[in-house]
C-alpha atoms as a PDB file:
ATOM      1  CA  MET A   1      80.641  42.437 -74.714  1.00  0.00           C
ATOM      2  CA  SER A   2      78.025  40.174 -76.147  1.00  0.00           C
ATOM      3  CA  ASN A   3      74.421  40.665 -77.153  1.00  0.00           C
ATOM      4  CA  GLN A   4      75.060  44.118 -78.589  1.00  0.00           C
ATOM      5  CA  ASN A   5      72.260  45.605 -80.652  1.00  0.00           C
ATOM      6  CA  GLN A   6      69.716  42.924 -79.865  1.00  0.00           C
ATOM      7  CA  TYR A   7      66.082  43.332 -80.860  1.00  0.00           C
ATOM      8  CA  ILE A   8      64.164  42.909 -77.632  1.00  0.00           C
ATOM      9  CA  SER A   9      60.515  42.609 -76.690  1.00  0.00           C
ATOM     10  CA  ASN A  10      58.402  43.028 -73.570  1.00  0.00           C
ATOM     11  CA  PHE A  11      59.035  40.433 -70.824  1.00  0.00           C
ATOM     12  CA  GLN A  12      61.928  38.890 -72.726  1.00  0.00           C
ATOM     13  CA  ILE A  13      64.696  37.442 -70.553  1.00  0.00           C
ATOM     14  CA  LEU A  14      68.160  38.108 -71.905  1.00  0.00           C
ATOM     15  CA  PRO A  15      71.645  37.548 -70.467  1.00  0.00           C
ATOM     16  CA  VAL A  16      74.258  40.173 -71.323  1.00  0.00           C
ATOM     17  CA  THR A  17      77.947  39.384 -70.823  1.00  0.00           C
ATOM     18  CA  LEU A  18      80.599  42.058 -70.302  1.00  0.00           C
ATOM     19  CA  THR A  19      84.372  41.773 -70.066  1.00  0.00           C
ATOM     20  CA  PRO A  20      85.482  45.150 -68.713  1.00  0.00           C
ATOM     21  CA  VAL A  21      89.065  46.242 -69.347  1.00  0.00           C
ATOM     22  CA  LEU A  22      91.000  46.417 -66.073  1.00  0.00           C
ATOM     23  CA  ASP A  23      94.212  48.223 -65.212  1.00  0.00           C
ATOM     24  CA  THR A  24      97.063  45.779 -64.528  1.00  0.00           C
ATOM     25  CA  ALA A  25      98.643  47.804 -61.686  1.00  0.00           C
ATOM     26  CA  ALA A  26      97.620  47.151 -58.055  1.00  0.00           C
ATOM     27  CA  TYR A  27      94.326  48.684 -56.968  1.00  0.00           C
ATOM     28  CA  ASP A  28      93.698  50.248 -53.568  1.00  0.00           C
ATOM     29  CA  SER A  29      90.416  50.067 -51.713  1.00  0.00           C
ATOM     30  CA  SER A  30      88.024  52.746 -53.066  1.00  0.00           C
ATOM     31  CA  ASP A  31      89.754  52.906 -56.458  1.00  0.00           C
ATOM     32  CA  VAL A  32      87.690  52.710 -59.645  1.00  0.00           C
ATOM     33  CA  LEU A  33      88.010  49.078 -60.759  1.00  0.00           C
ATOM     34  CA  PHE A  34      86.538  49.879 -64.166  1.00  0.00           C
ATOM     35  CA  ILE A  35      84.933  53.038 -65.481  1.00  0.00           C
ATOM     36  CA  PRO A  36      81.210  52.937 -66.284  1.00  0.00           C
ATOM     37  CA  THR A  37      80.724  50.924 -69.443  1.00  0.00           C
ATOM     38  CA  ILE A  38      77.531  50.819 -71.470  1.00  0.00           C
ATOM     39  CA  VAL A  39      75.449  47.664 -71.142  1.00  0.00           C
ATOM     40  CA  PRO A  40      73.995  47.554 -74.667  1.00  0.00           C
ATOM     41  CA  LEU A  41      70.351  46.550 -74.806  1.00  0.00           C
ATOM     42  CA  LEU A  42      68.616  47.996 -77.835  1.00  0.00           C
ATOM     43  CA  ALA A  43      69.345  47.863 -81.525  1.00  0.00           C
ATOM     44  CA  SER A  44      69.838  51.400 -82.748  1.00  0.00           C
ATOM     45  CA  SER A  45      66.774  51.063 -84.998  1.00  0.00           C
ATOM     46  CA  GLN A  46      64.440  50.274 -82.088  1.00  0.00           C
ATOM     47  CA  ASP A  47      62.570  53.400 -81.078  1.00  0.00           C
ATOM     48  CA  TYR A  48      61.281  53.152 -77.505  1.00  0.00           C
ATOM     49  CA  ARG A  49      60.340  55.935 -75.103  1.00  0.00           C
ATOM     50  CA  ARG A  50      60.699  53.824 -72.048  1.00  0.00           C
ATOM     51  CA  VAL A  51      62.526  50.592 -71.326  1.00  0.00           C
ATOM     52  CA  ARG A  52      62.599  49.187 -67.821  1.00  0.00           C
ATOM     53  CA  VAL A  53      65.143  46.446 -67.164  1.00  0.00           C
ATOM     54  CA  GLU A  54      64.914  44.137 -64.155  1.00  0.00           C
ATOM     55  CA  ILE A  55      68.324  42.853 -63.041  1.00  0.00           C
ATOM     56  CA  MET A  56      67.525  39.373 -61.717  1.00  0.00           C
ATOM     57  CA  ASP A  57      70.944  37.811 -61.231  1.00  0.00           C
ATOM     58  CA  ILE A  58      74.639  38.529 -61.617  1.00  0.00           C
ATOM     59  CA  THR A  59      77.428  36.015 -62.225  1.00  0.00           C
ATOM     60  CA  ILE A  60      81.095  37.034 -62.149  1.00  0.00           C
ATOM     61  CA  ILE A  61      83.833  34.735 -63.409  1.00  0.00           C
ATOM     62  CA  ASP A  62      87.279  35.685 -62.089  1.00  0.00           C
ATOM     63  CA  ARG A  63      89.636  34.013 -64.568  1.00  0.00           C
ATOM     64  CA  SER A  64      92.742  34.547 -62.413  1.00  0.00           C
ATOM     65  CA  ASN A  65      91.162  33.463 -59.118  1.00  0.00           C
ATOM     66  CA  ASP A  66      91.995  36.841 -57.522  1.00  0.00           C
ATOM     67  CA  LYS A  67      88.693  36.883 -55.578  1.00  0.00           C
ATOM     68  CA  GLY A  68      88.740  40.658 -55.264  1.00  0.00           C
ATOM     69  CA  LEU A  69      85.949  42.378 -53.367  1.00  0.00           C
ATOM     70  CA  PHE A  70      84.234  45.235 -55.167  1.00  0.00           C
ATOM     71  CA  ASP A  71      80.966  47.097 -55.660  1.00  0.00           C
ATOM     72  CA  LEU A  72      79.126  47.087 -58.975  1.00  0.00           C
ATOM     73  CA  VAL A  73      77.559  50.506 -59.641  1.00  0.00           C
ATOM     74  CA  PHE A  74      74.502  50.582 -61.934  1.00  0.00           C
ATOM     75  CA  CYS A  75      73.803  53.984 -63.561  1.00  0.00           C
ATOM     76  CA  THR A  76      71.117  55.260 -65.927  1.00  0.00           C
ATOM     77  CA  THR A  77      73.573  57.642 -67.624  1.00  0.00           C
ATOM     78  CA  ASN A  78      77.358  57.781 -67.855  1.00  0.00           C
ATOM     79  CA  PRO A  79      78.575  59.709 -64.774  1.00  0.00           C
ATOM     80  CA  SER A  80      81.376  61.918 -66.108  1.00  0.00           C
ATOM     81  CA  THR A  81      82.830  62.488 -62.616  1.00  0.00           C
ATOM     82  CA  PHE A  82      83.073  58.769 -61.672  1.00  0.00           C
ATOM     83  CA  GLY A  83      86.866  58.840 -61.890  1.00  0.00           C
ATOM     84  CA  ALA A  84      89.622  57.130 -63.844  1.00  0.00           C
ATOM     85  CA  ALA A  85      90.476  53.444 -63.641  1.00  0.00           C
ATOM     86  CA  ASN A  86      92.799  52.642 -60.725  1.00  0.00           C
ATOM     87  CA  ALA A  87      92.293  56.088 -59.174  1.00  0.00           C
ATOM     88  CA  ALA A  88      90.057  57.136 -56.306  1.00  0.00           C
ATOM     89  CA  CYS A  89      86.360  57.244 -57.168  1.00  0.00           C
ATOM     90  CA  ALA A  90      85.436  60.916 -57.485  1.00  0.00           C
ATOM     91  CA  ILE A  91      81.752  60.980 -58.441  1.00  0.00           C
ATOM     92  CA  THR A  92      80.005  64.112 -57.192  1.00  0.00           C
ATOM     93  CA  SER A  93      77.000  63.771 -54.910  1.00  0.00           C
ATOM     94  CA  ALA A  94      74.825  65.580 -57.474  1.00  0.00           C
ATOM     95  CA  GLU A  95      75.823  63.224 -60.274  1.00  0.00           C
ATOM     96  CA  ALA A  96      75.455  60.166 -58.034  1.00  0.00           C
ATOM     97  CA  ALA A  97      71.917  61.258 -57.112  1.00  0.00           C
ATOM     98  CA  ALA A  98      71.035  61.825 -60.774  1.00  0.00           C
ATOM     99  CA  SER A  99      72.585  58.673 -62.240  1.00  0.00           C
ATOM    100  CA  VAL A 100      73.322  55.879 -59.725  1.00  0.00           C
ATOM    101  CA  ARG A 101      70.394  53.488 -59.316  1.00  0.00           C
ATOM    102  CA  LYS A 102      71.889  50.550 -57.411  1.00  0.00           C
ATOM    103  CA  VAL A 103      75.136  49.336 -55.860  1.00  0.00           C
ATOM    104  CA  VAL A 104      75.641  45.573 -55.525  1.00  0.00           C
ATOM    105  CA  SER A 105      78.522  44.288 -53.378  1.00  0.00           C
ATOM    106  CA  VAL A 106      80.586  41.298 -54.503  1.00  0.00           C
ATOM    107  CA  ASN A 107      81.662  39.680 -51.230  1.00  0.00           C
ATOM    108  CA  ALA A 108      82.335  35.968 -51.763  1.00  0.00           C
ATOM    109  CA  TYR A 109      83.619  33.549 -54.401  1.00  0.00           C
ATOM    110  CA  THR A 110      83.614  29.804 -54.997  1.00  0.00           C
ATOM    111  CA  GLU A 111      86.553  28.165 -56.780  1.00  0.00           C
ATOM    112  CA  LEU A 112      85.582  26.566 -60.092  1.00  0.00           C
ATOM    113  CA  THR A 113      88.877  24.866 -60.893  1.00  0.00           C
ATOM    114  CA  ALA A 114      91.848  24.555 -58.592  1.00  0.00           C
ATOM    115  CA  ALA A 115      93.755  27.852 -58.471  1.00  0.00           C
ATOM    116  CA  THR A 116      92.622  29.124 -61.888  1.00  0.00           C
ATOM    117  CA  ASN A 117      89.005  30.352 -61.779  1.00  0.00           C
ATOM    118  CA  ALA A 118      86.513  31.570 -59.222  1.00  0.00           C
ATOM    119  CA  ILE A 119      82.838  32.453 -59.484  1.00  0.00           C
ATOM    120  CA  ALA A 120      80.784  34.990 -57.556  1.00  0.00           C
ATOM    121  CA  GLN A 121      77.004  35.267 -57.533  1.00  0.00           C
ATOM    122  CA  PRO A 122      76.086  38.219 -55.304  1.00  0.00           C
ATOM    123  CA  ASP A 123      72.934  37.903 -53.238  1.00  0.00           C
ATOM    124  CA  PHE A 124      70.608  40.867 -53.823  1.00  0.00           C
ATOM    125  CA  PRO A 125      66.921  41.523 -54.412  1.00  0.00           C
ATOM    126  CA  SER A 126      66.133  42.080 -58.093  1.00  0.00           C
ATOM    127  CA  PHE A 127      65.832  45.734 -59.070  1.00  0.00           C
ATOM    128  CA  ILE A 128      64.647  47.867 -61.986  1.00  0.00           C
ATOM    129  CA  ILE A 129      66.656  50.334 -64.061  1.00  0.00           C
ATOM    130  CA  GLU A 130      64.786  52.622 -66.438  1.00  0.00           C
ATOM    131  CA  VAL A 131      66.765  53.341 -69.583  1.00  0.00           C
ATOM    132  CA  PRO A 132      66.428  57.017 -70.567  1.00  0.00           C
ATOM    133  CA  SER A 133      64.480  57.829 -73.729  1.00  0.00           C
ATOM    134  CA  GLY A 134      66.756  57.682 -76.761  1.00  0.00           C
ATOM    135  CA  ALA A 135      69.466  55.660 -74.976  1.00  0.00           C
ATOM    136  CA  THR A 136      70.463  52.164 -76.101  1.00  0.00           C
ATOM    137  CA  GLY A 137      71.450  50.872 -72.648  1.00  0.00           C
ATOM    138  CA  PHE A 138      72.553  51.700 -69.113  1.00  0.00           C
ATOM    139  CA  PHE A 139      76.022  51.950 -67.550  1.00  0.00           C
ATOM    140  CA  LEU A 140      77.904  49.629 -65.193  1.00  0.00           C
ATOM    141  CA  GLY A 141      81.047  50.635 -63.284  1.00  0.00           C
ATOM    142  CA  ALA A 142      82.880  49.135 -60.307  1.00  0.00           C
ATOM    143  CA  ILE A 143      84.762  50.298 -57.220  1.00  0.00           C
ATOM    144  CA  SER A 144      87.428  48.114 -55.590  1.00  0.00           C
ATOM    145  CA  ARG A 145      87.072  47.305 -51.888  1.00  0.00           C
ATOM    146  CA  ASP A 146      90.471  45.718 -51.339  1.00  0.00           C
ATOM    147  CA  THR A 147      94.029  45.694 -52.689  1.00  0.00           C
ATOM    148  CA  LYS A 148      94.409  43.398 -55.698  1.00  0.00           C
ATOM    149  CA  THR A 149      96.195  43.209 -59.030  1.00  0.00           C
ATOM    150  CA  TYR A 150      94.293  41.938 -62.066  1.00  0.00           C
ATOM    151  CA  ALA A 151      95.078  40.965 -65.638  1.00  0.00           C
ATOM    152  CA  ALA A 152      93.383  43.171 -68.246  1.00  0.00           C
ATOM    153  CA  ASN A 153      90.482  40.770 -68.971  1.00  0.00           C
ATOM    154  CA  ASP A 154      90.228  38.844 -65.685  1.00  0.00           C
ATOM    155  CA  LEU A 155      86.554  39.511 -64.958  1.00  0.00           C
ATOM    156  CA  VAL A 156      83.589  38.297 -67.000  1.00  0.00           C
ATOM    157  CA  ILE A 157      80.269  39.652 -65.757  1.00  0.00           C
ATOM    158  CA  THR A 158      76.930  38.207 -66.873  1.00  0.00           C
ATOM    159  CA  LEU A 159      73.706  40.030 -66.024  1.00  0.00           C
ATOM    160  CA  GLY A 160      70.415  38.139 -66.133  1.00  0.00           C
ATOM    161  CA  MET A 161      67.761  40.683 -67.173  1.00  0.00           C
ATOM    162  CA  ARG A 162      64.037  40.853 -67.924  1.00  0.00           C
ATOM    163  CA  PHE A 163      62.486  43.693 -69.921  1.00  0.00           C
ATOM    164  CA  HIS A 164      59.301  45.406 -68.720  1.00  0.00           C
ATOM    165  CA  ASN A 165      56.830  48.082 -69.826  1.00  0.00           C
ATOM    166  CA  MET A 166      58.419  48.892 -73.134  1.00  0.00           C
ATOM    167  CA  GLN A 167      56.538  51.631 -74.993  1.00  0.00           C
ATOM    168  CA  GLN A 168      57.231  52.507 -78.597  1.00  0.00           C
ATOM    169  CA  ALA A 169      57.754  56.174 -79.376  1.00  0.00           C
END
């Protein structure tokens, strides 16, 4: 992950890049592609009551050109019942209602270089995630929608974000 423990300010635009760890065995549709991982936004010394993050764009680099279809799941807190990597997603309806804020589907890729890399830029309207008071970020997980096998660090996900309505505690 990059951009960990950044000092941020109101209306700042900041890209955050994540490289989630993937299981190297074949996934089935509806399996957890990667467990929710924190998207770090705030330096631990920043004391804010309320941080609202607008997700403006998403870019996914698939370094093995697998072009797997999946859903990105944006959560305000870490859903403990989400499930284990490469196992069926098992989040409870109560926890989904309390934590999940948006699901963005990754449906199409463009090849960057012949047979080695692909890029996806999902089409979605921008949305806001409010980071809970005392938290340093939000969580991002993914659910597979087809049968693929990945290398451990195949996916690089970059989120384009803008910060809004930050209030110091």
